[in-house]
Amino acid sequence: MPKRLKYKYHQNGTFPALPCIDSLVLVFESNLAGLHRREAALIASDYYGAEIGVPIGVTGRCYAIPTKDRFIRMLSLREIKAYIDQFIAYTHSKPELKFWVTNLGTTTGSEYKPYNMAP
């Protein structure tokens, strides 16, 4: 059984102060085109090394979770959950890291609300 994770919450829209500790990973929503152009994805690209063209998983000091397809249309909740499950498995394999998770799937123009994403 994996070790239980500890959670600390941060204000929506906030980001860790730069420079941040090496063990901190910024988790942001991406698209399957790997274009990091808006909101948290742009910050991940500009300040945390997220690479353009890397839509899923570890990139720079980040972890990308797709919520949109390669045409920038929202993925279904089932598809997003599969990527979140991959991320959760990754967190269990890296207990030495801390993850700063931004809002996923609920940003500007999204059809989902936090109560859709919470489960």
Protein backbone atom coordinates (compact mmCIF):
# COMPACT_ATOMS: atom_id res chain seq x y z
CA MET A 1 0.00 0.00 0.00
CA PRO A 2 1.46 3.41 -0.96
CA LYS A 3 2.31 5.88 1.75
CA ARG A 4 -0.50 8.38 2.47
CA LEU A 5 0.22 11.80 1.01
CA LYS A 6 0.14 14.98 3.09
CA TYR A 7 -1.69 17.98 1.69
CA LYS A 8 -1.27 21.72 2.21
CA TYR A 9 -3.52 24.08 0.33
CA HIS A 10 -2.68 27.39 -1.34
CA GLN A 11 -4.77 30.29 -2.55
CA ASN A 12 -6.17 29.82 -6.06
CA GLY A 13 -4.05 31.59 -8.67
CA THR A 14 -0.91 31.74 -6.52
CA PHE A 15 2.45 30.24 -7.42
CA PRO A 16 5.52 29.33 -5.38
CA ALA A 17 8.00 32.16 -4.89
CA LEU A 18 11.01 32.07 -7.18
CA PRO A 19 13.58 30.72 -6.82
CA CYS A 20 11.85 27.78 -5.22
CA ILE A 21 13.35 24.67 -3.71
CA ASP A 22 14.63 21.99 -6.09
CA SER A 23 12.23 19.42 -4.70
CA LEU A 24 9.15 21.47 -5.69
CA VAL A 25 7.32 20.50 -8.89
CA LEU A 26 4.68 22.79 -10.43
CA VAL A 27 1.70 20.79 -11.71
CA PHE A 28 -0.29 22.54 -14.43
CA GLU A 29 -3.00 21.82 -16.97
CA SER A 30 -1.81 21.37 -20.53
CA ASN A 31 -3.16 20.40 -23.92
CA LEU A 32 -2.17 17.46 -26.10
CA ALA A 33 -0.62 19.87 -28.62
CA GLY A 34 1.98 20.74 -25.97
CA LEU A 35 1.37 24.48 -26.39
CA HIS A 36 1.86 26.26 -23.07
CA ARG A 37 0.37 29.66 -23.94
CA ARG A 38 -2.12 30.62 -21.26
CA GLU A 39 -2.44 31.00 -17.50
CA ALA A 40 -0.56 28.42 -15.40
CA ALA A 41 0.87 26.70 -18.48
CA LEU A 42 2.51 29.94 -19.62
CA ILE A 43 3.99 30.49 -16.16
CA ALA A 44 5.21 26.89 -16.16
CA SER A 45 6.90 27.49 -19.51
CA ASP A 46 8.36 30.92 -18.72
CA TYR A 47 9.56 30.31 -15.15
CA TYR A 48 9.70 26.56 -14.42
CA GLY A 49 11.13 25.14 -17.64
CA ALA A 50 8.06 23.41 -19.10
CA GLU A 51 9.01 22.55 -22.67
CA ILE A 52 6.79 23.36 -25.64
CA GLY A 53 5.74 20.10 -27.29
CA VAL A 54 5.69 18.10 -24.04
CA PRO A 55 2.00 17.74 -23.18
CA ILE A 56 2.12 14.98 -20.54
CA GLY A 57 4.25 14.27 -17.52
CA VAL A 58 7.58 15.65 -16.36
CA THR A 59 8.90 18.69 -18.21
CA GLY A 60 11.40 21.08 -16.66
CA ARG A 61 10.51 21.50 -12.98
CA CYS A 62 6.87 20.77 -13.82
CA TYR A 63 4.37 18.03 -14.40
CA ALA A 64 1.85 18.55 -17.23
CA ILE A 65 -1.66 17.10 -16.98
CA PRO A 66 -3.69 17.41 -20.19
CA THR A 67 -7.23 18.76 -19.91
CA LYS A 68 -7.58 19.66 -23.61
CA ASP A 69 -6.94 17.78 -26.83
CA ARG A 70 -4.50 18.79 -29.58
CA PHE A 71 -7.17 21.09 -31.07
CA ILE A 72 -7.57 22.83 -27.66
CA ARG A 73 -11.00 21.30 -26.99
CA MET A 74 -11.81 20.05 -23.50
CA LEU A 75 -11.20 16.38 -22.82
CA SER A 76 -13.91 14.36 -21.12
CA LEU A 77 -13.73 13.98 -17.35
CA ARG A 78 -12.91 10.30 -17.88
CA GLU A 79 -9.93 11.16 -20.09
CA ILE A 80 -8.67 13.79 -17.64
CA LYS A 81 -9.03 11.33 -14.75
CA ALA A 82 -6.74 8.86 -16.57
CA TYR A 83 -4.00 11.53 -16.74
CA ILE A 84 -4.58 12.46 -13.08
CA ASP A 85 -4.25 8.78 -12.14
CA GLN A 86 -0.87 8.71 -13.94
CA PHE A 87 0.18 11.77 -11.95
CA ILE A 88 -0.90 10.21 -8.66
CA ALA A 89 1.15 7.09 -9.45
CA TYR A 90 4.13 9.35 -10.19
CA THR A 91 3.76 11.15 -6.84
CA HIS A 92 3.88 7.83 -5.02
CA SER A 93 7.10 6.93 -6.85
CA LYS A 94 8.73 10.25 -5.85
CA PRO A 95 8.12 10.75 -2.10
CA GLU A 96 11.06 13.16 -1.87
CA LEU A 97 9.26 15.72 -4.07
CA LYS A 98 6.62 18.30 -3.20
CA PHE A 99 3.96 19.16 -5.77
CA TRP A 100 2.31 22.57 -6.21
CA VAL A 101 -0.93 21.69 -8.02
CA THR A 102 -2.72 24.48 -9.87
CA ASN A 103 -6.41 24.37 -10.75
CA LEU A 104 -6.95 21.72 -13.39
CA GLY A 105 -9.76 21.86 -15.93
CA THR A 106 -11.48 24.88 -14.40
CA THR A 107 -9.66 27.82 -15.96
CA THR A 108 -11.02 30.52 -18.26
CA GLY A 109 -13.22 29.09 -20.99
CA SER A 110 -13.50 25.67 -19.37
CA GLU A 111 -16.81 23.89 -19.27
CA TYR A 112 -15.94 22.29 -15.92
CA LYS A 113 -16.32 23.69 -12.43
CA PRO A 114 -14.34 22.71 -9.33
CA TYR A 115 -17.17 20.40 -8.20
CA ASN A 116 -16.78 18.48 -11.51
CA MET A 117 -13.03 18.08 -11.06
CA ALA A 118 -12.92 17.37 -7.31
CA PRO A 119 -13.82 13.65 -7.51
